[in-house]
């Protein structure tokens, strides 16, 4: 199960980015929002690394989207 501290860190970063997106008049793409979250977390990934990570996770989501049994995909996110 996810560590409570990591969960709180994630929630704080997402809330901060959501506030910034809400204040802006811009329409952000999913990758731009993910990059904003990464910047908020301060993990130091560059744009290329973020793109590779986002595309990889999207591919994993697509692979498991057709699965009738969600147990495998749930296992990946634990």
C-alpha atoms as a PDB file:
ATOM      1  CA  UNK A   1       0.000   0.000   0.000  1.00  0.00           C
ATOM      2  CA  UNK A   2       1.190   3.554  -0.695  1.00  0.00           C
ATOM      3  CA  UNK A   3       3.057   5.314   2.069  1.00  0.00           C
ATOM      4  CA  UNK A   4       0.932   8.026   3.709  1.00  0.00           C
ATOM      5  CA  UNK A   5       3.766  10.567   3.396  1.00  0.00           C
ATOM      6  CA  UNK A   6       4.100   9.925  -0.355  1.00  0.00           C
ATOM      7  CA  UNK A   7       0.339  10.144  -0.796  1.00  0.00           C
ATOM      8  CA  UNK A   8       0.266  13.507   1.011  1.00  0.00           C
ATOM      9  CA  UNK A   9       3.189  14.802  -1.077  1.00  0.00           C
ATOM     10  CA  UNK A  10       1.364  13.780  -4.247  1.00  0.00           C
ATOM     11  CA  UNK A  11      -1.902  15.369  -3.153  1.00  0.00           C
ATOM     12  CA  UNK A  12      -0.180  18.641  -2.208  1.00  0.00           C
ATOM     13  CA  UNK A  13       1.589  18.828  -5.573  1.00  0.00           C
ATOM     14  CA  UNK A  14      -1.630  18.105  -7.466  1.00  0.00           C
ATOM     15  CA  UNK A  15      -3.565  20.693  -5.461  1.00  0.00           C
ATOM     16  CA  UNK A  16      -0.898  23.326  -6.094  1.00  0.00           C
ATOM     17  CA  UNK A  17      -0.899  22.628  -9.833  1.00  0.00           C
ATOM     18  CA  UNK A  18      -4.715  22.574  -9.933  1.00  0.00           C
ATOM     19  CA  UNK A  19      -4.735  26.022  -8.308  1.00  0.00           C
ATOM     20  CA  UNK A  20      -2.266  27.335 -10.910  1.00  0.00           C
ATOM     21  CA  UNK A  21      -4.273  25.841 -13.787  1.00  0.00           C
ATOM     22  CA  UNK A  22      -7.486  27.300 -12.399  1.00  0.00           C
ATOM     23  CA  UNK A  23      -5.926  30.782 -12.105  1.00  0.00           C
ATOM     24  CA  UNK A  24      -4.628  30.674 -15.676  1.00  0.00           C
ATOM     25  CA  UNK A  25      -6.604  31.432 -18.804  1.00  0.00           C
ATOM     26  CA  UNK A  26      -4.483  28.921 -20.767  1.00  0.00           C
ATOM     27  CA  UNK A  27      -5.663  25.508 -21.879  1.00  0.00           C
ATOM     28  CA  UNK A  28      -3.002  23.033 -20.788  1.00  0.00           C
ATOM     29  CA  UNK A  29      -2.294  19.675 -22.393  1.00  0.00           C
ATOM     30  CA  UNK A  30      -2.022  16.564 -20.225  1.00  0.00           C
ATOM     31  CA  UNK A  31       1.760  16.506 -20.637  1.00  0.00           C
ATOM     32  CA  UNK A  32       2.030  20.167 -19.606  1.00  0.00           C
ATOM     33  CA  UNK A  33       0.066  19.432 -16.433  1.00  0.00           C
ATOM     34  CA  UNK A  34       2.267  16.396 -15.734  1.00  0.00           C
ATOM     35  CA  UNK A  35       5.356  18.549 -16.216  1.00  0.00           C
ATOM     36  CA  UNK A  36       3.940  21.150 -13.831  1.00  0.00           C
ATOM     37  CA  UNK A  37       3.382  18.424 -11.222  1.00  0.00           C
ATOM     38  CA  UNK A  38       6.948  17.205 -11.713  1.00  0.00           C
ATOM     39  CA  UNK A  39       8.250  20.746 -11.259  1.00  0.00           C
ATOM     40  CA  UNK A  40       6.157  21.080  -8.106  1.00  0.00           C
ATOM     41  CA  UNK A  41       7.597  17.839  -6.738  1.00  0.00           C
ATOM     42  CA  UNK A  42      11.108  18.963  -7.679  1.00  0.00           C
ATOM     43  CA  UNK A  43      12.358  15.606  -8.911  1.00  0.00           C
ATOM     44  CA  UNK A  44      14.502  17.244 -11.585  1.00  0.00           C
ATOM     45  CA  UNK A  45      13.319  15.394 -14.677  1.00  0.00           C
ATOM     46  CA  UNK A  46      13.844  17.285 -17.900  1.00  0.00           C
ATOM     47  CA  UNK A  47      11.186  17.624 -20.607  1.00  0.00           C
ATOM     48  CA  UNK A  48      12.418  14.609 -22.574  1.00  0.00           C
ATOM     49  CA  UNK A  49      12.460  12.390 -19.482  1.00  0.00           C
ATOM     50  CA  UNK A  50       8.939  13.516 -18.571  1.00  0.00           C
ATOM     51  CA  UNK A  51       7.699  12.777 -22.099  1.00  0.00           C
ATOM     52  CA  UNK A  52       9.235   9.299 -22.062  1.00  0.00           C
ATOM     53  CA  UNK A  53       7.727   8.598 -18.643  1.00  0.00           C
ATOM     54  CA  UNK A  54       4.284   9.912 -19.622  1.00  0.00           C
ATOM     55  CA  UNK A  55       4.273   7.938 -22.885  1.00  0.00           C
ATOM     56  CA  UNK A  56       5.374   4.792 -21.084  1.00  0.00           C
ATOM     57  CA  UNK A  57       2.607   5.118 -18.501  1.00  0.00           C
ATOM     58  CA  UNK A  58       0.080   5.803 -21.254  1.00  0.00           C
ATOM     59  CA  UNK A  59       1.241   2.669 -23.062  1.00  0.00           C
ATOM     60  CA  UNK A  60       0.824   0.643 -19.853  1.00  0.00           C
ATOM     61  CA  UNK A  61      -2.685   2.082 -19.422  1.00  0.00           C
ATOM     62  CA  UNK A  62      -3.538   1.133 -23.011  1.00  0.00           C
ATOM     63  CA  UNK A  63      -2.224  -2.410 -22.550  1.00  0.00           C
ATOM     64  CA  UNK A  64      -4.367  -2.949 -19.487  1.00  0.00           C
ATOM     65  CA  UNK A  65      -7.437  -1.054 -20.744  1.00  0.00           C
ATOM     66  CA  UNK A  66      -8.617  -4.125 -22.625  1.00  0.00           C
ATOM     67  CA  UNK A  67      -8.117  -6.457 -19.690  1.00  0.00           C
ATOM     68  CA  UNK A  68     -11.300  -7.747 -18.099  1.00  0.00           C
ATOM     69  CA  UNK A  69      -9.409  -8.497 -14.928  1.00  0.00           C
ATOM     70  CA  UNK A  70      -8.244  -5.247 -13.343  1.00  0.00           C
ATOM     71  CA  UNK A  71      -6.139  -7.053 -10.760  1.00  0.00           C
ATOM     72  CA  UNK A  72      -3.021  -6.865 -12.961  1.00  0.00           C
ATOM     73  CA  UNK A  73      -3.319  -3.138 -13.591  1.00  0.00           C
ATOM     74  CA  UNK A  74      -4.069  -2.476  -9.925  1.00  0.00           C
ATOM     75  CA  UNK A  75      -0.898  -4.384  -9.059  1.00  0.00           C
ATOM     76  CA  UNK A  76       1.176  -2.040 -11.237  1.00  0.00           C
ATOM     77  CA  UNK A  77      -0.038   1.019  -9.334  1.00  0.00           C
ATOM     78  CA  UNK A  78       0.613  -0.368  -5.845  1.00  0.00           C
END
